[in-house]
Amino acid sequence: MIKGILSLLINLLIVLVFLHAVGSWIPQVRESKFYVSLDRFISLLLDPIRRVIPPVSGLDFSPLVLLFILYLIKHLFKL
């Protein structure tokens, strides 16, 4: 039961990170209320990673690192 809920939450986070990353490329999406709220939430997870791995030549790799961490958690705990 708890594994199922944790798996669902991690899957939801993975989808939200993808939406955030793709939405950041589209100016009309970045201005929407949904994206602004999503950005506030996802930034809480990305900011600590950005402190360790800053953007390189304008490319932000923190979403990739966060996705890697989320998939690693799923794999290690077999969620």
PDB file of N, CA and C in Angstrom:
ATOM      1  N   MET A   1       0.821  -1.186   0.000  1.00  0.00           N
ATOM      2  CA  MET A   1       0.000   0.000   0.000  1.00  0.00           C
ATOM      3  C   MET A   1       0.869   1.256   0.000  1.00  0.00           C
ATOM      4  N   ILE A   2       1.815   1.326   0.946  1.00  0.00           N
ATOM      5  CA  ILE A   2       2.678   2.507   1.027  1.00  0.00           C
ATOM      6  C   ILE A   2       3.593   2.569  -0.191  1.00  0.00           C
ATOM      7  N   LYS A   3       4.088   1.413  -0.639  1.00  0.00           N
ATOM      8  CA  LYS A   3       4.932   1.399  -1.839  1.00  0.00           C
ATOM      9  C   LYS A   3       4.163   1.918  -3.045  1.00  0.00           C
ATOM     10  N   GLY A   4       2.908   1.562  -3.147  1.00  0.00           N
ATOM     11  CA  GLY A   4       2.079   2.021  -4.255  1.00  0.00           C
ATOM     12  C   GLY A   4       1.896   3.529  -4.234  1.00  0.00           C
ATOM     13  N   ILE A   5       1.669   4.073  -3.050  1.00  0.00           N
ATOM     14  CA  ILE A   5       1.492   5.531  -2.916  1.00  0.00           C
ATOM     15  C   ILE A   5       2.797   6.246  -3.231  1.00  0.00           C
ATOM     16  N   LEU A   6       3.916   5.732  -2.706  1.00  0.00           N
ATOM     17  CA  LEU A   6       5.213   6.352  -2.996  1.00  0.00           C
ATOM     18  C   LEU A   6       5.547   6.281  -4.482  1.00  0.00           C
ATOM     19  N   SER A   7       5.241   5.156  -5.099  1.00  0.00           N
ATOM     20  CA  SER A   7       5.479   5.008  -6.529  1.00  0.00           C
ATOM     21  C   SER A   7       4.646   6.007  -7.321  1.00  0.00           C
ATOM     22  N   LEU A   8       3.392   6.171  -6.931  1.00  0.00           N
ATOM     23  CA  LEU A   8       2.516   7.135  -7.587  1.00  0.00           C
ATOM     24  C   LEU A   8       3.049   8.559  -7.430  1.00  0.00           C
ATOM     25  N   LEU A   9       3.499   8.908  -6.231  1.00  0.00           N
ATOM     26  CA  LEU A   9       4.040  10.252  -5.988  1.00  0.00           C
ATOM     27  C   LEU A   9       5.306  10.506  -6.811  1.00  0.00           C
ATOM     28  N   ILE A  10       6.183   9.523  -6.871  1.00  0.00           N
ATOM     29  CA  ILE A  10       7.412   9.691  -7.653  1.00  0.00           C
ATOM     30  C   ILE A  10       7.081   9.803  -9.136  1.00  0.00           C
ATOM     31  N   ASN A  11       6.138   8.983  -9.613  1.00  0.00           N
ATOM     32  CA  ASN A  11       5.724   9.091 -11.014  1.00  0.00           C
ATOM     33  C   ASN A  11       5.126  10.464 -11.309  1.00  0.00           C
ATOM     34  N   LEU A  12       4.336  10.992 -10.389  1.00  0.00           N
ATOM     35  CA  LEU A  12       3.763  12.323 -10.553  1.00  0.00           C
ATOM     36  C   LEU A  12       4.863  13.380 -10.602  1.00  0.00           C
ATOM     37  N   LEU A  13       5.849  13.256  -9.728  1.00  0.00           N
ATOM     38  CA  LEU A  13       6.978  14.189  -9.740  1.00  0.00           C
ATOM     39  C   LEU A  13       7.736  14.121 -11.058  1.00  0.00           C
ATOM     40  N   ILE A  14       7.924  12.927 -11.587  1.00  0.00           N
ATOM     41  CA  ILE A  14       8.621  12.759 -12.864  1.00  0.00           C
ATOM     42  C   ILE A  14       7.863  13.481 -13.969  1.00  0.00           C
ATOM     43  N   VAL A  15       6.549  13.318 -14.003  1.00  0.00           N
ATOM     44  CA  VAL A  15       5.734  13.991 -15.019  1.00  0.00           C
ATOM     45  C   VAL A  15       5.815  15.508 -14.849  1.00  0.00           C
ATOM     46  N   LEU A  16       5.764  15.986 -13.607  1.00  0.00           N
ATOM     47  CA  LEU A  16       5.828  17.426 -13.355  1.00  0.00           C
ATOM     48  C   LEU A  16       7.178  18.012 -13.768  1.00  0.00           C
ATOM     49  N   VAL A  17       8.256  17.277 -13.541  1.00  0.00           N
ATOM     50  CA  VAL A  17       9.581  17.749 -13.956  1.00  0.00           C
ATOM     51  C   VAL A  17       9.642  17.839 -15.484  1.00  0.00           C
ATOM     52  N   PHE A  18       9.093  16.839 -16.174  1.00  0.00           N
ATOM     53  CA  PHE A  18       9.050  16.886 -17.644  1.00  0.00           C
ATOM     54  C   PHE A  18       8.225  18.072 -18.123  1.00  0.00           C
ATOM     55  N   LEU A  19       7.050  18.281 -17.523  1.00  0.00           N
ATOM     56  CA  LEU A  19       6.217  19.418 -17.908  1.00  0.00           C
ATOM     57  C   LEU A  19       6.946  20.743 -17.674  1.00  0.00           C
ATOM     58  N   HIS A  20       7.642  20.828 -16.574  1.00  0.00           N
ATOM     59  CA  HIS A  20       8.396  22.036 -16.252  1.00  0.00           C
ATOM     60  C   HIS A  20       9.493  22.277 -17.276  1.00  0.00           C
ATOM     61  N   ALA A  21      10.224  21.233 -17.616  1.00  0.00           N
ATOM     62  CA  ALA A  21      11.331  21.374 -18.571  1.00  0.00           C
ATOM     63  C   ALA A  21      10.818  21.759 -19.958  1.00  0.00           C
ATOM     64  N   VAL A  22       9.794  21.072 -20.431  1.00  0.00           N
ATOM     65  CA  VAL A  22       9.251  21.369 -21.761  1.00  0.00           C
ATOM     66  C   VAL A  22       8.591  22.744 -21.770  1.00  0.00           C
ATOM     67  N   GLY A  23       7.863  23.055 -20.715  1.00  0.00           N
ATOM     68  CA  GLY A  23       7.205  24.363 -20.629  1.00  0.00           C
ATOM     69  C   GLY A  23       8.177  25.521 -20.603  1.00  0.00           C
ATOM     70  N   SER A  24       9.373  25.289 -20.112  1.00  0.00           N
ATOM     71  CA  SER A  24      10.363  26.371 -20.046  1.00  0.00           C
ATOM     72  C   SER A  24      10.845  26.791 -21.431  1.00  0.00           C
ATOM     73  N   TRP A  25      10.616  25.959 -22.441  1.00  0.00           N
ATOM     74  CA  TRP A  25      11.032  26.291 -23.805  1.00  0.00           C
ATOM     75  C   TRP A  25       9.987  27.101 -24.551  1.00  0.00           C
ATOM     76  N   ILE A  26       8.761  27.172 -24.033  1.00  0.00           N
ATOM     77  CA  ILE A  26       7.660  27.813 -24.753  1.00  0.00           C
ATOM     78  C   ILE A  26       7.221  29.065 -23.989  1.00  0.00           C
ATOM     79  N   PRO A  27       7.470  30.252 -24.572  1.00  0.00           N
ATOM     80  CA  PRO A  27       7.154  31.503 -23.852  1.00  0.00           C
ATOM     81  C   PRO A  27       5.691  31.626 -23.416  1.00  0.00           C
ATOM     82  N   GLN A  28       4.738  31.207 -24.239  1.00  0.00           N
ATOM     83  CA  GLN A  28       3.326  31.327 -23.869  1.00  0.00           C
ATOM     84  C   GLN A  28       2.995  30.460 -22.658  1.00  0.00           C
ATOM     85  N   VAL A  29       3.627  29.319 -22.565  1.00  0.00           N
ATOM     86  CA  VAL A  29       3.386  28.420 -21.439  1.00  0.00           C
ATOM     87  C   VAL A  29       3.995  28.996 -20.168  1.00  0.00           C
ATOM     88  N   ARG A  30       5.188  29.579 -20.274  1.00  0.00           N
ATOM     89  CA  ARG A  30       5.861  30.138 -19.093  1.00  0.00           C
ATOM     90  C   ARG A  30       5.047  31.236 -18.428  1.00  0.00           C
ATOM     91  N   GLU A  31       4.174  31.893 -19.173  1.00  0.00           N
ATOM     92  CA  GLU A  31       3.377  32.988 -18.629  1.00  0.00           C
ATOM     93  C   GLU A  31       2.061  32.520 -18.016  1.00  0.00           C
ATOM     94  N   SER A  32       1.713  31.256 -18.168  1.00  0.00           N
ATOM     95  CA  SER A  32       0.439  30.756 -17.640  1.00  0.00           C
ATOM     96  C   SER A  32       0.506  30.609 -16.121  1.00  0.00           C
ATOM     97  N   LYS A  33      -0.654  30.688 -15.491  1.00  0.00           N
ATOM     98  CA  LYS A  33      -0.722  30.551 -14.028  1.00  0.00           C
ATOM     99  C   LYS A  33      -0.303  29.151 -13.589  1.00  0.00           C
ATOM    100  N   PHE A  34      -0.677  28.142 -14.379  1.00  0.00           N
ATOM    101  CA  PHE A  34      -0.292  26.779 -14.041  1.00  0.00           C
ATOM    102  C   PHE A  34       1.224  26.639 -14.012  1.00  0.00           C
ATOM    103  N   TYR A  35       1.900  27.160 -15.039  1.00  0.00           N
ATOM    104  CA  TYR A  35       3.347  27.014 -15.104  1.00  0.00           C
ATOM    105  C   TYR A  35       4.031  27.783 -13.980  1.00  0.00           C
ATOM    106  N   VAL A  36       3.512  28.967 -13.654  1.00  0.00           N
ATOM    107  CA  VAL A  36       4.109  29.752 -12.562  1.00  0.00           C
ATOM    108  C   VAL A  36       4.023  28.966 -11.252  1.00  0.00           C
ATOM    109  N   SER A  37       2.871  28.344 -10.996  1.00  0.00           N
ATOM    110  CA  SER A  37       2.721  27.518  -9.789  1.00  0.00           C
ATOM    111  C   SER A  37       3.637  26.301  -9.842  1.00  0.00           C
ATOM    112  N   LEU A  38       3.682  25.672 -11.001  1.00  0.00           N
ATOM    113  CA  LEU A  38       4.549  24.509 -11.188  1.00  0.00           C
ATOM    114  C   LEU A  38       6.010  24.894 -10.973  1.00  0.00           C
ATOM    115  N   ASP A  39       6.405  26.046 -11.488  1.00  0.00           N
ATOM    116  CA  ASP A  39       7.781  26.510 -11.351  1.00  0.00           C
ATOM    117  C   ASP A  39       8.149  26.726  -9.883  1.00  0.00           C
ATOM    118  N   ARG A  40       7.232  27.295  -9.116  1.00  0.00           N
ATOM    119  CA  ARG A  40       7.501  27.504  -7.676  1.00  0.00           C
ATOM    120  C   ARG A  40       7.730  26.167  -6.969  1.00  0.00           C
ATOM    121  N   PHE A  41       6.898  25.185  -7.303  1.00  0.00           N
ATOM    122  CA  PHE A  41       7.012  23.876  -6.647  1.00  0.00           C
ATOM    123  C   PHE A  41       8.272  23.137  -7.083  1.00  0.00           C
ATOM    124  N   ILE A  42       8.511  23.046  -8.376  1.00  0.00           N
ATOM    125  CA  ILE A  42       9.651  22.287  -8.888  1.00  0.00           C
ATOM    126  C   ILE A  42      10.964  22.981  -8.524  1.00  0.00           C
ATOM    127  N   SER A  43      10.945  24.310  -8.455  1.00  0.00           N
ATOM    128  CA  SER A  43      12.173  25.038  -8.089  1.00  0.00           C
ATOM    129  C   SER A  43      12.650  24.676  -6.691  1.00  0.00           C
ATOM    130  N   LEU A  44      11.721  24.320  -5.811  1.00  0.00           N
ATOM    131  CA  LEU A  44      12.120  23.881  -4.465  1.00  0.00           C
ATOM    132  C   LEU A  44      13.010  22.644  -4.538  1.00  0.00           C
ATOM    133  N   LEU A  45      12.761  21.795  -5.531  1.00  0.00           N
ATOM    134  CA  LEU A  45      13.557  20.583  -5.698  1.00  0.00           C
ATOM    135  C   LEU A  45      14.817  20.836  -6.528  1.00  0.00           C
ATOM    136  N   LEU A  46      14.723  21.771  -7.478  1.00  0.00           N
ATOM    137  CA  LEU A  46      15.845  22.012  -8.381  1.00  0.00           C
ATOM    138  C   LEU A  46      16.912  22.939  -7.793  1.00  0.00           C
ATOM    139  N   ASP A  47      16.515  23.874  -6.948  1.00  0.00           N
ATOM    140  CA  ASP A  47      17.479  24.857  -6.426  1.00  0.00           C
ATOM    141  C   ASP A  47      18.668  24.236  -5.688  1.00  0.00           C
ATOM    142  N   PRO A  48      18.463  23.228  -4.821  1.00  0.00           N
ATOM    143  CA  PRO A  48      19.640  22.612  -4.177  1.00  0.00           C
ATOM    144  C   PRO A  48      20.582  21.958  -5.195  1.00  0.00           C
ATOM    145  N   ILE A  49      20.013  21.380  -6.246  1.00  0.00           N
ATOM    146  CA  ILE A  49      20.847  20.759  -7.284  1.00  0.00           C
ATOM    147  C   ILE A  49      21.596  21.833  -8.058  1.00  0.00           C
ATOM    148  N   ARG A  50      20.925  22.960  -8.323  1.00  0.00           N
ATOM    149  CA  ARG A  50      21.563  24.062  -9.055  1.00  0.00           C
ATOM    150  C   ARG A  50      22.730  24.660  -8.276  1.00  0.00           C
ATOM    151  N   ARG A  51      22.659  24.597  -6.945  1.00  0.00           N
ATOM    152  CA  ARG A  51      23.782  25.103  -6.145  1.00  0.00           C
ATOM    153  C   ARG A  51      25.015  24.229  -6.308  1.00  0.00           C
ATOM    154  N   VAL A  52      24.804  22.941  -6.502  1.00  0.00           N
ATOM    155  CA  VAL A  52      25.913  22.005  -6.670  1.00  0.00           C
ATOM    156  C   VAL A  52      26.368  21.958  -8.126  1.00  0.00           C
ATOM    157  N   ILE A  53      25.401  21.948  -9.056  1.00  0.00           N
ATOM    158  CA  ILE A  53      25.705  21.881 -10.490  1.00  0.00           C
ATOM    159  C   ILE A  53      25.090  23.102 -11.167  1.00  0.00           C
ATOM    160  N   PRO A  54      25.852  24.195 -11.273  1.00  0.00           N
ATOM    161  CA  PRO A  54      25.302  25.400 -11.892  1.00  0.00           C
ATOM    162  C   PRO A  54      25.122  25.207 -13.401  1.00  0.00           C
ATOM    163  N   PRO A  55      24.262  26.029 -14.025  1.00  0.00           N
ATOM    164  CA  PRO A  55      24.100  25.943 -15.480  1.00  0.00           C
ATOM    165  C   PRO A  55      25.429  26.133 -16.211  1.00  0.00           C
ATOM    166  N   VAL A  56      25.609  25.376 -17.282  1.00  0.00           N
ATOM    167  CA  VAL A  56      26.833  25.435 -18.079  1.00  0.00           C
ATOM    168  C   VAL A  56      26.472  26.009 -19.445  1.00  0.00           C
ATOM    169  N   SER A  57      27.065  27.128 -19.802  1.00  0.00           N
ATOM    170  CA  SER A  57      26.800  27.788 -21.086  1.00  0.00           C
ATOM    171  C   SER A  57      25.308  27.975 -21.330  1.00  0.00           C
ATOM    172  N   GLY A  58      24.567  28.319 -20.279  1.00  0.00           N
ATOM    173  CA  GLY A  58      23.140  28.551 -20.402  1.00  0.00           C
ATOM    174  C   GLY A  58      22.286  27.303 -20.353  1.00  0.00           C
ATOM    175  N   LEU A  59      22.897  26.139 -20.236  1.00  0.00           N
ATOM    176  CA  LEU A  59      22.142  24.884 -20.153  1.00  0.00           C
ATOM    177  C   LEU A  59      22.029  24.434 -18.695  1.00  0.00           C
ATOM    178  N   ASP A  60      20.799  24.231 -18.268  1.00  0.00           N
ATOM    179  CA  ASP A  60      20.537  23.808 -16.892  1.00  0.00           C
ATOM    180  C   ASP A  60      20.320  22.297 -16.871  1.00  0.00           C
ATOM    181  N   PHE A  61      21.228  21.586 -16.242  1.00  0.00           N
ATOM    182  CA  PHE A  61      21.148  20.134 -16.177  1.00  0.00           C
ATOM    183  C   PHE A  61      20.442  19.636 -14.915  1.00  0.00           C
ATOM    184  N   SER A  62      19.984  20.560 -14.064  1.00  0.00           N
ATOM    185  CA  SER A  62      19.363  20.143 -12.810  1.00  0.00           C
ATOM    186  C   SER A  62      18.101  19.295 -13.009  1.00  0.00           C
ATOM    187  N   PRO A  63      17.241  19.556 -14.026  1.00  0.00           N
ATOM    188  CA  PRO A  63      16.103  18.636 -14.215  1.00  0.00           C
ATOM    189  C   PRO A  63      16.543  17.207 -14.540  1.00  0.00           C
ATOM    190  N   LEU A  64      17.601  17.071 -15.325  1.00  0.00           N
ATOM    191  CA  LEU A  64      18.110  15.731 -15.637  1.00  0.00           C
ATOM    192  C   LEU A  64      18.618  15.031 -14.380  1.00  0.00           C
ATOM    193  N   VAL A  65      19.307  15.774 -13.547  1.00  0.00           N
ATOM    194  CA  VAL A  65      19.832  15.200 -12.304  1.00  0.00           C
ATOM    195  C   VAL A  65      18.673  14.793 -11.399  1.00  0.00           C
ATOM    196  N   LEU A  66      17.651  15.660 -11.306  1.00  0.00           N
ATOM    197  CA  LEU A  66      16.488  15.326 -10.480  1.00  0.00           C
ATOM    198  C   LEU A  66      15.775  14.083 -11.013  1.00  0.00           C
ATOM    199  N   LEU A  67      15.607  13.992 -12.319  1.00  0.00           N
ATOM    200  CA  LEU A  67      14.984  12.797 -12.901  1.00  0.00           C
ATOM    201  C   LEU A  67      15.812  11.553 -12.606  1.00  0.00           C
ATOM    202  N   PHE A  68      17.132  11.670 -12.708  1.00  0.00           N
ATOM    203  CA  PHE A  68      18.015  10.550 -12.395  1.00  0.00           C
ATOM    204  C   PHE A  68      17.824  10.121 -10.943  1.00  0.00           C
ATOM    205  N   ILE A  69      17.757  11.079 -10.039  1.00  0.00           N
ATOM    206  CA  ILE A  69      17.580  10.775  -8.616  1.00  0.00           C
ATOM    207  C   ILE A  69      16.239  10.086  -8.378  1.00  0.00           C
ATOM    208  N   LEU A  70      15.182  10.600  -9.020  1.00  0.00           N
ATOM    209  CA  LEU A  70      13.856   9.995  -8.847  1.00  0.00           C
ATOM    210  C   LEU A  70      13.820   8.563  -9.376  1.00  0.00           C
ATOM    211  N   TYR A  71      14.412   8.338 -10.561  1.00  0.00           N
ATOM    212  CA  TYR A  71      14.456   6.975 -11.105  1.00  0.00           C
ATOM    213  C   TYR A  71      15.341   6.069 -10.250  1.00  0.00           C
ATOM    214  N   LEU A  72      16.402   6.619  -9.701  1.00  0.00           N
ATOM    215  CA  LEU A  72      17.270   5.839  -8.822  1.00  0.00           C
ATOM    216  C   LEU A  72      16.513   5.409  -7.564  1.00  0.00           C
ATOM    217  N   ILE A  73      15.756   6.311  -6.988  1.00  0.00           N
ATOM    218  CA  ILE A  73      14.942   5.977  -5.815  1.00  0.00           C
ATOM    219  C   ILE A  73      13.948   4.870  -6.159  1.00  0.00           C
ATOM    220  N   LYS A  74      13.290   5.012  -7.312  1.00  0.00           N
ATOM    221  CA  LYS A  74      12.329   3.972  -7.723  1.00  0.00           C
ATOM    222  C   LYS A  74      13.015   2.624  -7.861  1.00  0.00           C
ATOM    223  N   HIS A  75      14.211   2.617  -8.454  1.00  0.00           N
ATOM    224  CA  HIS A  75      14.919   1.358  -8.685  1.00  0.00           C
ATOM    225  C   HIS A  75      15.443   0.760  -7.374  1.00  0.00           C
ATOM    226  N   LEU A  76      16.051   1.589  -6.537  1.00  0.00           N
ATOM    227  CA  LEU A  76      16.642   1.069  -5.303  1.00  0.00           C
ATOM    228  C   LEU A  76      15.598   0.522  -4.350  1.00  0.00           C
ATOM    229  N   PHE A  77      14.444   1.182  -4.289  1.00  0.00           N
ATOM    230  CA  PHE A  77      13.400   0.748  -3.362  1.00  0.00           C
ATOM    231  C   PHE A  77      12.341  -0.114  -4.050  1.00  0.00           C
ATOM    232  N   LYS A  78      12.593  -0.433  -5.333  1.00  0.00           N
ATOM    233  CA  LYS A  78      11.699  -1.288  -6.114  1.00  0.00           C
ATOM    234  C   LYS A  78      10.242  -0.814  -6.042  1.00  0.00           C
ATOM    235  N   LEU A  79      10.075   0.484  -6.333  1.00  0.00           N
ATOM    236  CA  LEU A  79       8.723   1.071  -6.304  1.00  0.00           C
ATOM    237  C   LEU A  79       8.068   0.959  -7.654  1.00  0.00           C
TER     238      LEU A  79
END
